[in-house]
Amino acid sequence: MPDSHPQPPPSSSSSGPADPGTLLLCGARLTDGRTVDVRLSGGRIEAVGTAGSLTGDGTRACGSRVDLSGYLLLPAPAEPHAHADTALSADDRDGPVSYEAEAVQRRATEAALLQLGHGATALRAHVHVGDVQELNALAAVLQARRSLRGLTELTTVAMPRLLTGVAGADGLAILRDALKMGASVVGGCPDLDPDPTGYVEAVLEVASEHGCPVDLHTDATDPARLSRLAAMAGGLRPGVTLSPCGGLGRLPTDVASRTADQLAAAGVTVVCLPQGGCGGAERRGTAPVRLLRAAGVRVAAGSGALQDVSNPVGRGDPFEAAYLLASRHGLRPEDAYDCVSASARAVLGLPEVRVEAGFPAELLAVRGERLAAALSLAYSRIVVHRGRVVARTSAVREYCDSDAATELGLPRQGRGEVS
């Protein structure tokens, strides 16, 4: 994290009228235990003060207010690995997945809104280009992106199948057309090309031409191939991401450690998929996150398949990914949440978010007092994007009257507690 804080935006005159874009979050709990009010304006956090300090001083009229008593306020998560063109297609029993523009746009939009409801205010979607669908699926996802503007940030990764040999010439042409159309990341699956090294070379060349990042699918089962990739990727900016890399966990520890050191030295980021695989991965398994982090590799966590043939029960929930990293892989709750928030945003090239003045107003409020408890039972959520509430999920837990509940003072979530 940077040592210096950005300068907050200039304050408005105290004698001026209320800013209609101002939002006040009242009584939120932070991970350090403080209870605060947070004022948002112009898409950024304008002020953070002790509870009541931003409402009772009479120096500034406020716009809308949201009571966050009983909620934990966090930087919003981001989704670094989604498949918008195949999401929500598991129940398509009429045959192969439809790549008709209307079907893809509907699925991509619904999936993005589902993940927004979970808290992800930014999303990177991998989209197949070439073959039968040509650029149709990409065009549909880009249309979904335009319709979602103001709700969530959706960026696209163009994924050609082949890039080498005679057939690869068409793939290269399609890839360049995809970038001209609006895809912002070069991706694909080198493991599926007859010449994986040639595939990576082609991807890096195209990315260098257009000055865009690279995001590749690989199982990472071949350490020699990963070493070559790290050597080629080391000089590329704005960077290279690999996912899901489950094969690293099946390598001998000493081999995996050497490979992790090479990836760290090259500045390669790994996005793991704790909730399962995706269509770009041959086998299931989660990358060895603790080994990678110990080597200095930036590790983010994504959802992968969202109710498609690769994982028909995929939830697309960043909190579930963080929960699995904590429960199965032994990460501290803070580190697990970092993988789906700060590190995930870094993969997408987005600015850091902290609950401090001057930072982007990309926030998530979840019911609970501690992060560990939120990762376990984060049912009720309020999502803030660009300084306004864009999604709410309310869960009500009620029990029938009993002496036990009364005597022990068990917590109960009631209706109408958030205004």
Protein backbone atom coordinates (compact mmCIF):
# COMPACT_ATOMS: atom_id res chain seq x y z
CA MET A 1 0.00 0.00 0.00
CA PRO A 2 1.26 3.51 -0.67
CA ASP A 3 2.69 5.34 2.35
CA SER A 4 1.12 8.68 1.48
CA HIS A 5 -2.55 9.53 1.45
CA PRO A 6 -4.16 11.33 -1.48
CA GLN A 7 -5.30 14.85 -0.83
CA PRO A 8 -9.05 15.04 -0.12
CA PRO A 9 -11.19 17.05 -2.48
CA PRO A 10 -11.74 20.71 -1.59
CA SER A 11 -14.47 21.31 0.96
CA SER A 12 -17.64 23.06 -0.04
CA SER A 13 -18.55 26.36 1.52
CA SER A 14 -20.39 25.84 4.80
CA SER A 15 -22.82 28.60 3.92
CA GLY A 16 -23.76 27.12 0.54
CA PRO A 17 -26.80 24.99 -0.20
CA ALA A 18 -26.85 21.24 0.44
CA ASP A 19 -25.14 19.17 -2.25
CA PRO A 20 -27.89 16.97 -3.75
CA GLY A 21 -25.21 14.31 -4.41
CA THR A 22 -24.14 14.11 -0.77
CA LEU A 23 -24.75 10.85 1.09
CA LEU A 24 -24.19 10.40 4.81
CA LEU A 25 -23.55 6.93 6.22
CA CYS A 26 -24.37 7.08 9.92
CA GLY A 27 -23.10 4.91 12.76
CA ALA A 28 -21.01 2.45 10.74
CA ARG A 29 -18.48 0.23 12.44
CA LEU A 30 -14.96 -0.04 10.99
CA THR A 31 -12.64 -3.02 11.21
CA ASP A 32 -10.51 -1.18 13.80
CA GLY A 33 -13.52 -1.04 16.13
CA ARG A 34 -14.42 2.63 15.69
CA THR A 35 -18.01 3.71 15.08
CA VAL A 36 -18.12 6.57 12.58
CA ASP A 37 -20.17 8.70 10.23
CA VAL A 38 -18.94 8.86 6.64
CA ARG A 39 -19.90 11.65 4.25
CA LEU A 40 -19.71 10.95 0.51
CA SER A 41 -19.77 13.54 -2.26
CA GLY A 42 -18.70 13.65 -5.88
CA GLY A 43 -18.01 9.94 -5.95
CA ARG A 44 -15.44 10.15 -3.15
CA ILE A 45 -15.27 9.97 0.62
CA GLU A 46 -15.39 13.57 1.76
CA ALA A 47 -15.15 13.14 5.52
CA VAL A 48 -14.97 10.49 8.23
CA GLY A 49 -15.77 11.43 11.83
CA THR A 50 -16.90 9.94 15.11
CA ALA A 51 -20.55 8.95 15.21
CA GLY A 52 -22.73 12.06 15.30
CA SER A 53 -19.92 14.49 14.48
CA LEU A 54 -21.03 15.01 10.88
CA THR A 55 -24.70 15.48 11.69
CA GLY A 56 -24.87 17.65 14.75
CA ASP A 57 -22.32 20.40 14.16
CA GLY A 58 -24.65 22.55 12.10
CA THR A 59 -21.89 23.52 9.68
CA ARG A 60 -23.07 21.60 6.66
CA ALA A 61 -26.44 20.54 5.38
CA CYS A 62 -26.53 16.92 4.35
CA GLY A 63 -28.31 15.11 1.57
CA SER A 64 -29.56 11.55 1.95
CA ARG A 65 -28.73 9.49 5.02
CA VAL A 66 -28.38 5.76 5.58
CA ASP A 67 -28.39 4.36 9.11
CA LEU A 68 -25.63 1.74 9.29
CA SER A 69 -26.00 0.90 12.97
CA GLY A 70 -25.07 -2.75 13.35
CA TYR A 71 -23.17 -2.81 10.05
CA LEU A 72 -19.48 -3.19 9.28
CA LEU A 73 -18.26 -0.79 6.58
CA LEU A 74 -15.60 -2.10 4.17
CA PRO A 75 -13.98 -1.21 0.88
CA ALA A 76 -16.13 -2.81 -1.80
CA PRO A 77 -14.87 -6.04 -3.35
CA ALA A 78 -14.21 -6.48 -7.06
CA GLU A 79 -14.61 -9.52 -9.32
CA PRO A 80 -11.37 -10.17 -11.26
CA HIS A 81 -12.45 -13.36 -13.04
CA ALA A 82 -15.95 -13.78 -14.45
CA HIS A 83 -17.30 -15.39 -17.63
CA ALA A 84 -20.09 -13.09 -18.76
CA ASP A 85 -20.88 -14.88 -22.02
CA THR A 86 -21.58 -18.26 -20.38
CA ALA A 87 -22.88 -17.16 -16.96
CA LEU A 88 -26.31 -18.44 -15.88
CA SER A 89 -26.43 -20.95 -18.76
CA ALA A 90 -26.46 -24.18 -16.72
CA ASP A 91 -30.22 -24.57 -17.08
CA ASP A 92 -30.21 -24.17 -20.87
CA ARG A 93 -31.56 -27.63 -21.68
CA ASP A 94 -32.41 -26.92 -25.30
CA GLY A 95 -28.89 -27.67 -26.53
CA PRO A 96 -25.55 -25.84 -26.66
CA VAL A 97 -25.17 -22.50 -24.93
CA SER A 98 -26.73 -19.79 -27.05
CA TYR A 99 -24.40 -17.06 -28.27
CA GLU A 100 -27.21 -15.06 -29.80
CA ALA A 101 -26.69 -11.40 -28.96
CA GLU A 102 -29.89 -11.03 -26.97
CA ALA A 103 -29.22 -14.15 -24.87
CA VAL A 104 -25.63 -13.17 -24.09
CA GLN A 105 -26.56 -9.60 -23.20
CA ARG A 106 -29.33 -10.79 -20.89
CA ARG A 107 -27.07 -13.30 -19.12
CA ALA A 108 -24.19 -10.84 -18.83
CA THR A 109 -26.43 -8.13 -17.41
CA GLU A 110 -28.16 -10.45 -14.94
CA ALA A 111 -24.84 -11.92 -13.80
CA ALA A 112 -23.28 -8.48 -13.27
CA LEU A 113 -26.28 -7.36 -11.21
CA LEU A 114 -26.16 -10.56 -9.17
CA GLN A 115 -22.51 -9.95 -8.35
CA LEU A 116 -23.21 -6.28 -7.67
CA GLY A 117 -25.76 -7.39 -5.10
CA HIS A 118 -23.00 -9.41 -3.46
CA GLY A 119 -20.92 -6.22 -3.27
CA ALA A 120 -18.66 -6.27 -6.34
CA THR A 121 -18.73 -2.78 -7.85
CA ALA A 122 -16.19 -3.69 -10.56
CA LEU A 123 -16.00 -6.77 -12.74
CA ARG A 124 -13.58 -8.24 -15.30
CA ALA A 125 -15.37 -10.54 -17.75
CA HIS A 126 -13.57 -13.06 -19.98
CA VAL A 127 -15.35 -13.41 -23.33
CA HIS A 128 -14.65 -15.92 -26.11
CA VAL A 129 -13.95 -14.43 -29.53
CA GLY A 130 -13.54 -16.16 -32.86
CA ASP A 131 -14.86 -19.55 -33.99
CA VAL A 132 -18.64 -19.70 -34.43
CA GLN A 133 -19.45 -16.68 -32.27
CA GLU A 134 -16.82 -14.45 -33.94
CA LEU A 135 -17.29 -11.08 -32.17
CA ASN A 136 -21.01 -11.43 -31.44
CA ALA A 137 -20.63 -12.41 -27.79
CA LEU A 138 -18.18 -9.58 -27.17
CA ALA A 139 -20.52 -7.06 -28.79
CA ALA A 140 -23.36 -8.26 -26.53
CA VAL A 141 -21.24 -8.01 -23.37
CA LEU A 142 -20.09 -4.52 -24.36
CA GLN A 143 -23.74 -3.55 -24.81
CA ALA A 144 -24.44 -4.92 -21.32
CA ARG A 145 -21.54 -2.83 -20.06
CA ARG A 146 -23.10 0.34 -21.49
CA SER A 147 -26.48 -0.45 -19.94
CA LEU A 148 -24.86 -1.01 -16.52
CA ARG A 149 -22.97 2.28 -16.49
CA GLY A 150 -23.45 4.01 -13.17
CA LEU A 151 -24.21 0.72 -11.39
CA THR A 152 -20.99 -1.23 -11.85
CA GLU A 153 -17.74 -1.09 -13.82
CA LEU A 154 -17.54 -3.93 -16.36
CA THR A 155 -14.36 -4.52 -18.38
CA THR A 156 -13.83 -7.27 -20.93
CA VAL A 157 -11.04 -9.73 -21.77
CA ALA A 158 -10.92 -11.02 -25.35
CA MET A 159 -10.21 -14.78 -25.42
CA PRO A 160 -9.27 -16.30 -28.82
CA ARG A 161 -8.97 -20.10 -29.02
CA LEU A 162 -5.95 -20.44 -31.35
CA LEU A 163 -3.17 -17.98 -32.14
CA THR A 164 -0.50 -20.13 -33.79
CA GLY A 165 -0.22 -21.98 -37.09
CA VAL A 166 -2.50 -21.47 -40.09
CA ALA A 167 -5.65 -21.36 -37.94
CA GLY A 168 -4.00 -18.88 -35.58
CA ALA A 169 -3.87 -16.17 -38.24
CA ASP A 170 -7.64 -15.80 -38.03
CA GLY A 171 -7.43 -15.74 -34.24
CA LEU A 172 -4.90 -12.91 -34.31
CA ALA A 173 -7.05 -10.88 -36.68
CA ILE A 174 -10.12 -11.42 -34.49
CA LEU A 175 -8.14 -10.49 -31.39
CA ARG A 176 -7.04 -7.18 -32.87
CA ASP A 177 -10.60 -6.48 -34.02
CA ALA A 178 -11.85 -7.23 -30.48
CA LEU A 179 -9.52 -4.60 -29.03
CA LYS A 180 -10.67 -2.06 -31.60
CA MET A 181 -14.28 -2.86 -30.69
CA GLY A 182 -13.75 -2.13 -27.01
CA ALA A 183 -12.16 -5.09 -25.23
CA SER A 184 -9.53 -3.70 -22.86
CA VAL A 185 -7.56 -6.82 -21.91
CA VAL A 186 -5.88 -9.54 -24.00
CA GLY A 187 -6.54 -13.06 -22.74
CA GLY A 188 -6.95 -16.67 -23.76
CA CYS A 189 -5.93 -20.23 -22.93
CA PRO A 190 -2.40 -21.08 -24.08
CA ASP A 191 -2.77 -24.61 -22.69
CA LEU A 192 -5.32 -25.35 -25.44
CA ASP A 193 -3.12 -24.19 -28.33
CA PRO A 194 -0.79 -26.71 -30.04
CA ASP A 195 2.06 -24.25 -29.36
CA PRO A 196 1.46 -22.75 -25.88
CA THR A 197 4.69 -20.74 -25.91
CA GLY A 198 3.88 -19.32 -29.34
CA TYR A 199 0.40 -18.43 -28.08
CA VAL A 200 1.86 -16.47 -25.17
CA GLU A 201 4.31 -14.70 -27.45
CA ALA A 202 1.46 -13.65 -29.74
CA VAL A 203 -0.64 -12.40 -26.83
CA LEU A 204 2.22 -10.38 -25.37
CA GLU A 205 3.00 -8.87 -28.76
CA VAL A 206 -0.60 -7.75 -29.32
CA ALA A 207 -0.84 -6.42 -25.75
CA SER A 208 2.37 -4.46 -26.22
CA GLU A 209 1.07 -2.97 -29.47
CA HIS A 210 -2.10 -1.72 -27.76
CA GLY A 211 -0.66 -0.94 -24.31
CA CYS A 212 -3.18 -3.16 -22.54
CA PRO A 213 -2.88 -5.78 -19.77
CA VAL A 214 -2.81 -9.55 -20.25
CA ASP A 215 -4.99 -12.07 -18.39
CA LEU A 216 -4.39 -15.72 -19.30
CA HIS A 217 -6.05 -18.98 -18.25
CA THR A 218 -3.65 -21.75 -17.32
CA ASP A 219 -3.71 -24.76 -15.02
CA ALA A 220 0.01 -24.10 -14.36
CA THR A 221 0.95 -27.78 -14.36
CA ASP A 222 4.13 -27.28 -16.41
CA PRO A 223 6.81 -25.40 -14.41
CA ALA A 224 9.13 -25.06 -17.42
CA ARG A 225 6.36 -23.39 -19.41
CA LEU A 226 5.59 -21.05 -16.50
CA SER A 227 9.27 -20.14 -16.25
CA ARG A 228 9.31 -19.17 -19.92
CA LEU A 229 6.10 -17.19 -19.49
CA ALA A 230 7.53 -15.32 -16.49
CA ALA A 231 10.67 -14.50 -18.46
CA MET A 232 8.63 -13.14 -21.37
CA ALA A 233 6.14 -11.26 -19.19
CA GLY A 234 8.63 -9.50 -16.94
CA GLY A 235 8.93 -6.34 -19.02
CA LEU A 236 5.29 -5.95 -20.01
CA ARG A 237 3.29 -3.10 -18.52
CA PRO A 238 0.54 -2.65 -17.37
CA GLY A 239 1.02 -6.26 -16.32
CA VAL A 240 0.21 -9.95 -16.65
CA THR A 241 -2.34 -11.97 -14.68
CA LEU A 242 -2.61 -15.77 -14.62
CA SER A 243 -5.54 -17.84 -13.39
CA PRO A 244 -6.61 -20.19 -11.92
CA CYS A 245 -3.19 -21.94 -11.56
CA GLY A 246 -4.65 -24.87 -9.64
CA GLY A 247 -1.92 -27.12 -11.01
CA LEU A 248 0.69 -25.32 -8.91
CA GLY A 249 -0.80 -26.99 -5.88
CA ARG A 250 -0.16 -30.43 -7.35
CA LEU A 251 3.55 -29.81 -8.00
CA PRO A 252 6.26 -30.80 -5.51
CA THR A 253 6.67 -28.04 -2.95
CA ASP A 254 10.22 -27.17 -3.97
CA VAL A 255 9.24 -26.89 -7.64
CA ALA A 256 6.17 -24.80 -6.82
CA SER A 257 8.30 -22.52 -4.61
CA ARG A 258 10.85 -21.89 -7.37
CA THR A 259 8.06 -21.16 -9.83
CA ALA A 260 6.42 -18.78 -7.36
CA ASP A 261 9.72 -16.93 -6.95
CA GLN A 262 9.94 -16.52 -10.75
CA LEU A 263 6.38 -15.22 -10.97
CA ALA A 264 7.05 -12.74 -8.16
CA ALA A 265 10.23 -11.50 -9.80
CA ALA A 266 8.35 -10.94 -13.07
CA GLY A 267 5.51 -9.07 -11.32
CA VAL A 268 2.91 -11.62 -12.45
CA THR A 269 -0.37 -11.65 -10.51
CA VAL A 270 -2.25 -14.89 -9.80
CA VAL A 271 -6.04 -14.97 -9.52
CA CYS A 272 -7.22 -18.12 -7.79
CA LEU A 273 -10.76 -19.52 -7.94
CA PRO A 274 -11.62 -20.99 -4.49
CA GLN A 275 -15.26 -21.63 -5.48
CA GLY A 276 -14.36 -23.97 -8.36
CA GLY A 277 -13.01 -23.98 -11.88
CA CYS A 278 -14.16 -22.40 -15.10
CA GLY A 279 -14.38 -23.24 -18.77
CA GLY A 280 -10.77 -22.21 -19.32
CA ALA A 281 -9.35 -24.70 -16.82
CA GLU A 282 -8.85 -28.40 -17.50
CA ARG A 283 -8.95 -29.50 -13.85
CA ARG A 284 -10.26 -28.31 -10.52
CA GLY A 285 -8.10 -27.15 -7.65
CA THR A 286 -7.07 -23.91 -6.00
CA ALA A 287 -3.66 -22.33 -6.38
CA PRO A 288 -1.41 -22.62 -3.27
CA VAL A 289 -2.21 -19.14 -2.03
CA ARG A 290 -0.03 -19.16 1.08
CA LEU A 291 3.02 -20.34 -0.86
CA LEU A 292 2.46 -17.70 -3.52
CA ARG A 293 1.93 -14.91 -1.02
CA ALA A 294 5.05 -15.97 0.91
CA ALA A 295 7.05 -15.64 -2.32
CA GLY A 296 5.75 -12.11 -2.83
CA VAL A 297 3.23 -12.88 -5.58
CA ARG A 298 0.14 -10.69 -5.56
CA VAL A 299 -2.80 -13.09 -5.15
CA ALA A 300 -6.39 -12.09 -5.84
CA ALA A 301 -9.46 -14.31 -5.73
CA GLY A 302 -12.28 -14.54 -8.26
CA SER A 303 -15.47 -16.49 -8.69
CA GLY A 304 -14.95 -18.19 -12.04
CA ALA A 305 -17.99 -20.06 -13.27
CA LEU A 306 -21.37 -18.62 -12.30
CA GLN A 307 -24.03 -21.27 -12.82
CA ASP A 308 -22.69 -22.59 -16.12
CA VAL A 309 -21.62 -26.10 -17.16
CA SER A 310 -18.29 -25.75 -15.33
CA ASN A 311 -20.01 -25.05 -12.01
CA PRO A 312 -23.82 -25.16 -12.14
CA VAL A 313 -24.04 -24.01 -8.50
CA GLY A 314 -21.49 -21.18 -8.71
CA ARG A 315 -22.57 -18.19 -6.64
CA GLY A 316 -20.27 -15.44 -7.88
CA ASP A 317 -19.96 -14.17 -4.32
CA PRO A 318 -16.62 -12.60 -3.32
CA PHE A 319 -17.44 -13.21 0.34
CA GLU A 320 -17.64 -16.93 -0.31
CA ALA A 321 -14.24 -16.80 -2.04
CA ALA A 322 -12.76 -14.98 0.98
CA TYR A 323 -14.48 -17.39 3.38
CA LEU A 324 -12.94 -20.38 1.57
CA LEU A 325 -9.48 -18.79 1.61
CA ALA A 326 -9.80 -18.34 5.37
CA SER A 327 -11.43 -21.67 6.23
CA ARG A 328 -9.62 -24.00 3.81
CA HIS A 329 -6.32 -22.27 3.16
CA GLY A 330 -5.62 -20.71 6.54
CA LEU A 331 -5.48 -17.05 5.58
CA ARG A 332 -6.32 -14.48 8.22
CA PRO A 333 -9.76 -12.94 7.56
CA GLU A 334 -8.08 -9.61 6.75
CA ASP A 335 -5.78 -11.23 4.18
CA ALA A 336 -8.62 -13.28 2.71
CA TYR A 337 -10.74 -10.16 2.26
CA ASP A 338 -7.78 -8.32 0.74
CA CYS A 339 -7.71 -10.98 -2.01
CA VAL A 340 -11.24 -10.04 -3.11
CA SER A 341 -10.97 -6.30 -2.47
CA ALA A 342 -7.65 -4.41 -2.60
CA SER A 343 -5.76 -7.05 -4.59
CA ALA A 344 -8.72 -7.68 -6.89
CA ARG A 345 -9.03 -3.95 -7.59
CA ALA A 346 -5.31 -3.80 -8.33
CA VAL A 347 -5.73 -6.55 -10.93
CA LEU A 348 -8.36 -4.38 -12.62
CA GLY A 349 -6.09 -1.34 -12.50
CA LEU A 350 -8.43 0.49 -10.13
CA PRO A 351 -7.35 2.91 -7.39
CA GLU A 352 -7.07 1.78 -3.82
CA VAL A 353 -10.06 2.22 -1.49
CA ARG A 354 -9.87 2.94 2.21
CA VAL A 355 -12.58 4.27 4.50
CA GLU A 356 -10.74 7.58 4.74
CA ALA A 357 -11.28 11.05 3.32
CA GLY A 358 -10.13 11.45 -0.27
CA PHE A 359 -10.58 7.84 -1.37
CA PRO A 360 -13.15 6.57 -3.91
CA ALA A 361 -16.62 5.97 -2.48
CA GLU A 362 -16.68 2.27 -3.40
CA LEU A 363 -18.00 0.70 -0.21
CA LEU A 364 -19.85 -2.29 1.16
CA ALA A 365 -21.74 -2.42 4.44
CA VAL A 366 -22.43 -5.88 5.88
CA ARG A 367 -24.31 -6.69 9.03
CA GLY A 368 -21.91 -7.62 11.80
CA GLU A 369 -19.24 -6.23 14.10
CA ARG A 370 -16.13 -8.15 13.03
CA LEU A 371 -14.71 -9.15 9.66
CA ALA A 372 -14.46 -12.84 10.56
CA ALA A 373 -18.15 -12.96 11.45
CA ALA A 374 -19.03 -11.06 8.27
CA LEU A 375 -17.19 -13.60 6.12
CA SER A 376 -19.21 -16.33 7.80
CA LEU A 377 -22.69 -14.77 7.82
CA ALA A 378 -22.73 -11.73 5.54
CA TYR A 379 -26.35 -11.97 4.43
CA SER A 380 -27.47 -8.34 4.69
CA ARG A 381 -25.47 -5.98 2.45
CA ILE A 382 -25.64 -2.39 1.26
CA VAL A 383 -23.50 -1.56 -1.77
CA VAL A 384 -22.17 1.91 -2.60
CA HIS A 385 -20.75 2.73 -6.04
CA ARG A 386 -19.54 6.22 -6.97
CA GLY A 387 -20.97 7.59 -3.78
CA ARG A 388 -24.54 6.29 -4.03
CA VAL A 389 -26.37 3.19 -2.86
CA VAL A 390 -26.79 0.91 -5.88
CA ALA A 391 -27.90 -2.37 -4.28
CA ARG A 392 -29.38 -3.69 -1.05
CA THR A 393 -29.84 -7.22 0.20
CA SER A 394 -31.81 -7.64 3.43
CA ALA A 395 -31.96 -10.89 5.36
CA VAL A 396 -34.34 -11.26 8.28
CA ARG A 397 -33.77 -13.97 10.85
CA GLU A 398 -36.68 -14.58 13.19
CA TYR A 399 -37.35 -17.26 15.79
CA CYS A 400 -40.58 -18.21 17.49
CA ASP A 401 -40.91 -16.91 21.03
CA SER A 402 -38.98 -18.98 23.56
CA ASP A 403 -37.69 -18.60 27.09
CA ALA A 404 -34.19 -19.51 25.89
CA ALA A 405 -34.01 -16.61 23.45
CA THR A 406 -35.35 -14.18 26.03
CA GLU A 407 -33.13 -15.32 28.88
CA LEU A 408 -29.93 -15.36 26.86
CA GLY A 409 -30.63 -12.16 24.96
CA LEU A 410 -29.88 -13.73 21.60
CA PRO A 411 -29.52 -11.27 18.72
CA ARG A 412 -32.39 -10.98 16.30
CA GLN A 413 -32.50 -9.21 12.98
CA GLY A 414 -35.78 -7.37 12.62
CA ARG A 415 -37.47 -5.79 9.64
CA GLY A 416 -37.15 -2.10 8.90
CA GLU A 417 -33.90 -1.54 10.78
CA VAL A 418 -32.16 0.21 7.88
CA SER A 419 -33.72 3.38 6.59
